Protein backbone atom coordinates (compact mmCIF):
# COMPACT_ATOMS: atom_id res chain seq x y z
CA MET A 1 42.52 109.63 195.13
CA GLU A 2 41.10 113.16 194.81
CA VAL A 3 44.76 114.45 196.43
CA ASN A 4 46.72 112.33 193.69
CA GLN A 5 44.25 113.74 190.93
CA THR A 6 44.93 117.29 192.14
CA ASP A 7 48.60 116.76 192.47
CA GLN A 8 48.65 115.61 188.73
CA CYS A 9 46.63 118.27 187.38
CA LEU A 10 48.96 120.72 189.20
CA ARG A 11 52.03 118.87 187.56
CA PHE A 12 50.37 119.44 184.20
CA SER A 13 48.96 122.56 184.27
CA CYS A 14 49.98 124.87 181.51
CA PRO A 15 53.27 127.08 182.26
CA GLU A 16 53.43 130.90 181.42
CA ARG A 17 55.23 131.28 178.14
CA SER A 18 58.84 132.40 178.30
CA VAL A 19 59.81 132.83 175.09
CA SER A 20 59.94 136.48 173.52
CA THR A 21 57.27 137.20 170.75
CA ALA A 22 59.85 136.83 167.96
CA VAL A 23 60.87 133.35 168.73
CA TYR A 24 57.25 132.30 169.33
CA VAL A 25 56.68 133.19 166.14
CA PHE A 26 59.87 131.89 164.42
CA LEU A 27 58.81 128.58 166.26
CA TYR A 28 55.51 128.80 164.34
CA VAL A 29 56.91 129.53 161.11
CA CYS A 30 59.31 126.38 161.21
CA ALA A 31 56.53 124.45 162.50
CA ALA A 32 54.53 125.39 159.43
CA ALA A 33 57.26 124.75 157.14
CA VAL A 34 57.76 121.37 158.41
CA VAL A 35 53.97 120.55 157.92
CA LEU A 36 54.37 121.74 154.60
CA LEU A 37 57.44 119.64 153.73
CA THR A 38 55.78 116.64 155.04
CA VAL A 39 52.20 117.25 153.01
CA CYS A 40 53.50 118.46 149.87
CA GLY A 41 56.49 115.90 149.37
CA ASN A 42 54.42 113.04 150.37
CA LEU A 43 51.43 114.09 147.98
CA LEU A 44 54.20 114.64 144.88
CA ILE A 45 55.03 110.69 145.89
CA ILE A 46 51.42 109.67 145.84
CA ILE A 47 50.49 111.77 142.68
CA SER A 48 53.63 110.52 140.74
CA ILE A 49 53.14 106.77 141.51
CA CYS A 50 49.63 106.78 141.06
CA HIS A 51 49.70 108.72 137.92
CA PHE A 52 52.43 107.52 136.09
CA LYS A 53 51.60 103.93 134.56
CA GLN A 54 55.09 103.13 134.52
CA LEU A 55 55.40 103.37 138.39
CA HIS A 56 52.79 100.94 138.92
CA THR A 57 55.10 98.12 140.10
CA PRO A 58 54.96 95.90 143.21
CA THR A 59 57.52 97.62 145.52
CA ASN A 60 56.12 100.98 144.25
CA MET A 61 52.68 100.25 145.73
CA LEU A 62 54.55 99.63 149.24
CA ILE A 63 56.02 103.17 148.77
CA LEU A 64 52.88 104.58 147.72
CA SER A 65 51.44 103.19 151.10
CA LEU A 66 54.22 104.56 153.09
CA ALA A 67 53.50 107.83 151.74
CA VAL A 68 50.02 107.86 152.26
CA SER A 69 50.31 107.29 155.85
CA ASP A 70 53.29 109.74 155.90
CA PHE A 71 50.73 112.32 154.39
CA LEU A 72 48.37 111.67 156.93
CA VAL A 73 50.81 112.14 159.82
CA GLY A 74 51.47 115.57 158.21
CA VAL A 75 47.83 116.34 157.78
CA LEU A 76 46.06 114.97 161.02
CA VAL A 77 49.13 114.79 163.61
CA VAL A 78 52.03 116.72 163.10
CA PRO A 79 50.29 120.14 163.32
CA THR A 80 48.85 119.06 166.30
CA ALA A 81 52.03 117.89 167.79
CA LEU A 82 53.88 120.87 167.13
CA ILE A 83 51.28 123.37 168.49
CA TRP A 84 51.37 121.39 171.68
CA MET A 85 54.98 121.15 171.67
CA ILE A 86 55.00 124.84 171.09
CA GLU A 87 52.52 126.25 173.60
CA SER A 88 53.57 123.26 176.46
CA CYS A 89 49.97 122.70 176.84
CA TRP A 90 46.99 120.79 175.17
CA VAL A 91 44.51 123.65 173.89
CA PHE A 92 42.09 121.73 172.08
CA SER A 93 39.04 119.98 173.45
CA ALA A 94 38.92 116.31 174.99
CA VAL A 95 37.07 114.93 171.76
CA TYR A 96 40.06 115.93 169.36
CA CYS A 97 42.43 114.76 172.19
CA SER A 98 40.67 111.16 171.24
CA CYS A 99 41.01 111.75 167.72
CA TYR A 100 44.44 112.72 167.81
CA ILE A 101 45.81 109.78 170.40
CA TYR A 102 43.90 107.44 167.60
CA SER A 103 45.44 108.90 164.67
CA SER A 104 48.55 109.07 166.09
CA TYR A 105 48.89 105.48 166.87
CA LEU A 106 47.02 103.94 163.80
CA LEU A 107 49.52 106.13 161.57
CA THR A 108 52.52 105.26 163.45
CA THR A 109 51.98 101.61 163.39
CA THR A 110 50.90 101.44 159.76
CA SER A 111 54.46 103.39 159.25
CA ILE A 112 56.49 100.66 161.04
CA PHE A 113 54.39 97.79 159.04
CA ASN A 114 54.88 99.74 155.40
CA VAL A 115 58.73 99.55 156.29
CA ALA A 116 58.58 95.94 157.39
CA LEU A 117 56.71 94.97 154.26
CA ILE A 118 59.30 96.84 151.89
CA ALA A 119 62.05 94.52 153.56
CA VAL A 120 59.95 91.78 152.90
CA ASP A 121 59.72 92.73 149.16
CA ARG A 122 63.11 93.51 148.68
CA TYR A 123 64.31 90.22 150.21
CA PHE A 124 62.07 87.80 148.15
CA ALA A 125 63.10 90.08 145.01
CA LEU A 126 66.80 89.72 145.49
CA SER A 127 67.02 85.87 146.97
CA ASN A 128 64.65 84.61 144.47
CA PRO A 129 63.80 86.86 141.38
CA PHE A 130 62.45 84.43 139.16
CA LEU A 131 59.66 83.48 141.68
CA TYR A 132 59.11 86.91 142.66
CA THR A 133 58.39 88.02 138.81
CA LYS A 134 55.79 85.43 138.47
CA ALA A 135 54.16 85.44 142.24
CA VAL A 136 54.16 88.88 142.93
CA SER A 137 52.06 91.43 140.77
CA VAL A 138 50.85 94.55 141.57
CA ASN A 139 46.99 93.44 142.20
CA THR A 140 48.60 90.91 144.66
CA THR A 141 50.64 93.94 146.51
CA CYS A 142 47.63 95.97 146.36
CA ILE A 143 45.50 93.48 148.53
CA ILE A 144 48.40 92.82 151.02
CA VAL A 145 48.48 96.55 151.54
CA LEU A 146 44.80 97.08 152.28
CA SER A 147 44.63 93.97 154.36
CA ASN A 148 47.62 95.67 156.53
CA TRP A 149 45.86 98.82 156.60
CA PHE A 150 42.51 97.26 157.96
CA THR A 151 44.11 94.68 160.31
CA LEU A 152 46.17 97.58 161.91
CA ILE A 153 42.63 99.87 161.95
CA VAL A 154 41.12 97.09 163.68
CA TYR A 155 43.69 96.43 165.97
CA ASN A 156 44.01 100.22 166.86
CA VAL A 157 40.44 100.26 167.69
CA ALA A 158 40.64 97.46 170.03
CA LEU A 159 43.54 98.80 171.91
CA GLN A 160 41.88 102.37 172.69
CA TYR A 161 38.69 100.97 173.46
CA PHE A 162 39.85 98.22 175.80
CA ASN A 163 42.23 100.81 177.77
CA GLY A 164 39.09 103.11 177.88
CA HIS A 165 40.49 105.95 175.50
CA PHE A 166 37.55 106.38 173.68
CA ALA A 167 36.09 108.20 176.78
CA SER A 168 37.60 111.73 177.67
CA LEU A 169 41.42 111.68 177.64
CA VAL A 170 41.73 115.22 178.89
CA ILE A 171 42.19 114.35 182.62
CA CYS A 172 43.53 117.85 183.41
CA PRO A 173 43.43 121.35 181.78
CA GLY A 174 46.33 121.30 179.40
CA TYR A 175 47.10 117.54 179.41
CA CYS A 176 46.26 114.93 176.69
CA PHE A 177 47.95 111.53 177.11
CA SER A 178 47.15 108.08 176.53
CA TRP A 179 48.13 105.21 178.84
CA LEU A 180 48.22 101.51 178.65
CA ASP A 181 48.09 98.83 181.20
CA GLU A 182 50.38 96.22 181.82
CA VAL A 183 49.15 93.67 179.43
CA TRP A 184 48.38 95.73 176.49
CA SER A 185 51.79 97.81 176.73
CA LEU A 186 53.39 94.19 176.53
CA VAL A 187 51.14 93.45 173.38
CA ASP A 188 51.55 96.32 171.74
CA LEU A 189 55.22 96.29 172.22
CA LEU A 190 55.59 92.94 170.88
CA TYR A 191 53.29 93.26 167.93
CA THR A 192 53.89 96.96 167.01
CA PHE A 193 57.63 97.38 167.38
CA VAL A 194 59.44 94.04 168.19
CA PHE A 195 58.22 91.81 165.53
CA PRO A 196 58.30 94.32 162.71
CA LEU A 197 61.69 95.55 164.02
CA ALA A 198 63.03 91.80 164.10
CA VAL A 199 61.75 91.46 160.51
CA ILE A 200 63.13 94.64 159.18
CA ILE A 201 66.60 94.09 160.87
CA ILE A 202 66.87 90.17 160.03
CA LEU A 203 65.72 90.58 156.17
CA TYR A 204 67.82 93.67 155.40
CA VAL A 205 71.11 92.23 156.85
CA LEU A 206 70.25 89.35 154.30
CA VAL A 207 69.46 91.48 151.88
CA PHE A 208 73.00 93.23 151.89
CA ILE A 209 74.57 89.61 152.18
CA ILE A 210 72.77 88.86 148.96
CA ALA A 211 73.85 92.36 147.48
CA ARG A 212 77.35 91.65 148.07
CA LYS A 213 77.62 88.38 146.61
CA HIS A 214 75.88 89.85 143.36
CA ALA A 215 78.43 92.44 143.46
CA THR A 216 81.18 89.52 143.41
CA ALA A 217 79.16 87.89 140.59
CA ILE A 218 78.87 90.95 138.62
CA ARG A 219 82.80 91.49 138.66
CA GLU A 220 83.10 87.64 137.58
CA LEU A 221 80.50 87.63 134.62
CA ASN A 222 81.78 88.14 130.96
CA ILE A 223 80.13 91.03 129.99
CA HIS A 224 80.75 90.90 126.21
CA THR A 225 77.58 89.44 125.09
CA ARG A 226 74.41 90.85 125.47
CA THR A 227 72.75 88.64 127.71
CA SER A 228 75.56 89.23 130.12
CA LYS A 229 74.79 92.92 130.08
CA ASN A 230 71.14 92.43 130.36
CA ILE A 231 71.92 90.28 133.65
CA THR A 232 74.51 92.66 134.99
CA HIS A 233 71.99 95.55 134.76
CA SER A 234 69.22 93.78 136.42
CA MET A 235 71.52 93.02 139.26
CA LYS A 236 72.72 96.41 139.63
CA SER A 237 69.34 97.97 139.50
CA GLU A 238 68.19 95.45 142.02
CA ARG A 239 71.03 96.39 144.02
CA LYS A 240 70.51 99.98 144.03
CA ALA A 241 67.03 99.73 144.84
CA ALA A 242 68.22 97.54 148.03
CA LYS A 243 70.81 100.20 148.92
CA VAL A 244 68.13 103.25 148.77
CA LEU A 245 65.57 101.75 150.25
CA GLY A 246 68.14 100.54 153.31
CA ILE A 247 68.87 104.15 153.69
CA LEU A 248 65.05 104.56 153.88
CA VAL A 249 64.83 102.04 156.76
CA SER A 250 68.03 103.39 158.49
CA VAL A 251 66.74 106.54 158.81
CA PHE A 252 63.34 105.01 159.85
CA LEU A 253 64.85 103.25 162.84
CA ALA A 254 66.77 106.06 163.81
CA CYS A 255 63.96 108.10 164.27
CA LEU A 256 62.09 105.15 165.91
CA PHE A 257 64.36 103.97 168.41
CA PRO A 258 64.80 107.00 170.71
CA TYR A 259 61.08 106.65 171.02
CA PHE A 260 60.85 103.09 172.12
CA ILE A 261 63.88 103.40 174.24
CA TYR A 262 62.21 105.83 176.06
CA THR A 263 58.85 104.23 176.21
CA LEU A 264 60.59 101.42 178.11
CA ILE A 265 63.42 103.22 180.21
CA GLY A 266 62.24 106.67 180.24
CA ASN A 267 60.33 108.38 182.99
CA ALA A 268 56.78 108.70 181.25
CA THR A 269 55.49 111.56 183.33
CA GLU A 270 57.94 113.64 181.74
CA ILE A 271 55.61 114.82 179.36
CA LYS A 272 58.21 117.10 177.57
CA ASP A 273 60.78 114.95 177.10
CA PHE A 274 58.28 112.17 175.85
CA GLN A 275 57.10 114.66 173.22
CA LYS A 276 60.28 115.59 171.68
CA VAL A 277 61.07 111.52 171.20
CA LEU A 278 57.43 111.40 169.64
CA ILE A 279 58.11 114.60 167.48
CA LEU A 280 61.11 112.89 166.05
CA VAL A 281 59.08 110.06 164.93
CA TYR A 282 56.83 112.13 163.37
CA LEU A 283 59.64 114.04 161.62
CA ASN A 284 60.20 110.96 159.55
CA SER A 285 57.28 111.50 157.35
CA ALA A 286 59.00 114.75 156.28
CA ILE A 287 62.28 113.30 155.73
CA ASN A 288 61.02 110.15 153.47
CA PRO A 289 60.31 112.77 150.64
CA VAL A 290 63.88 114.32 150.75
CA ILE A 291 65.56 110.60 150.40
CA TYR A 292 63.37 109.89 147.45
CA ALA A 293 64.33 113.35 146.06
CA LEU A 294 68.04 112.59 146.49
CA PHE A 295 68.30 108.94 145.71
CA TYR A 296 65.64 108.69 142.89
CA PRO A 297 65.83 110.33 139.43
CA TRP A 298 62.41 108.93 138.67
CA PHE A 299 60.97 110.95 141.58
CA ARG A 300 62.58 114.38 140.49
CA ARG A 301 61.26 113.76 136.99
CA CYS A 302 57.51 113.18 138.02
CA VAL A 303 57.95 116.62 140.53
CA LYS A 304 59.27 118.44 137.44
CA LEU A 305 56.37 117.41 135.16
CA THR A 306 53.82 117.87 138.27
CA LEU A 307 54.97 121.05 138.87
CA THR A 308 55.04 122.43 135.37
CA LEU A 309 51.67 120.85 134.86
CA GLN A 310 52.35 118.51 132.21
CA ILE A 311 50.88 115.67 133.95
CA PHE A 312 47.55 117.19 132.53
CA ASN A 313 48.67 116.92 128.99
CA THR A 314 46.95 113.90 126.99
CA ASP A 315 48.46 110.48 127.47
CA SER A 316 50.87 112.15 130.03
CA SER A 317 50.33 108.84 132.07
CA LEU A 318 52.45 106.97 129.43
CA MET A 319 55.34 109.36 129.30
CA ASN A 320 58.98 107.79 130.48
CA VAL A 321 60.02 108.89 133.69
CA LEU A 322 62.38 105.97 134.57
């Protein structure tokens, strides 16, 4: 057993830095830019939805929850992950390793479930808009979001506790990693990936089928009366929302798939390769605000009002941003 431990520590020992000082500095500048984009971008989304009452809708409460998880990824996970990747070595303490592992697991699973809830919301809104308007309120959505966070916190505490990860995780100098036994690996795979992924894919396929039906109905509607115009506008708005959130979900899945494919078929001892696919998952938190900025006019207006400090004006929360 001691020989295996020694061999393992030799394998994961910190390598000599092989890049020039200029490249080294450039990597840290890029890392700082990614962290700032993730933190500031998601903070602007949080401020926008919380401040402007016009944005207090059920769907936006789910987007707010996703932005909060992405913001925390930018604060707690991304800086550490990028430093670890640049240094090719874990340079922090064993206690911080435990905190990093827990934060990473919790925030990643929370983001996955937030995206799944967005898919459920869009499907319900498009498939049964009248029942959705009556049954789904901001308060109801907030309760669902808080329940989701609480459940995942409890689940991740149990996951780490039963696998002994609240003990020292730094087995060797420069090494911080989390291993699950076979039973917990299967449970974690089914609960945090297979189930939410199935929900996301199935519901978004149905959403786009419904959106196509709406597009056909819009073309056939008589738009000469005011009532028809209102119906047409409502249907177009729902289709646009589904399209934008579909792009967000597609980017999310593109960032997530390499990680889970690697965990299933890759060599888990190749730490540098594993770090690369894990960084891709974290970078999704930086990409989401860019998607909002490109496709949501209300987000661009809110950013302008926030950066020009107009949100501190009297009754600024009642301003029209849509």
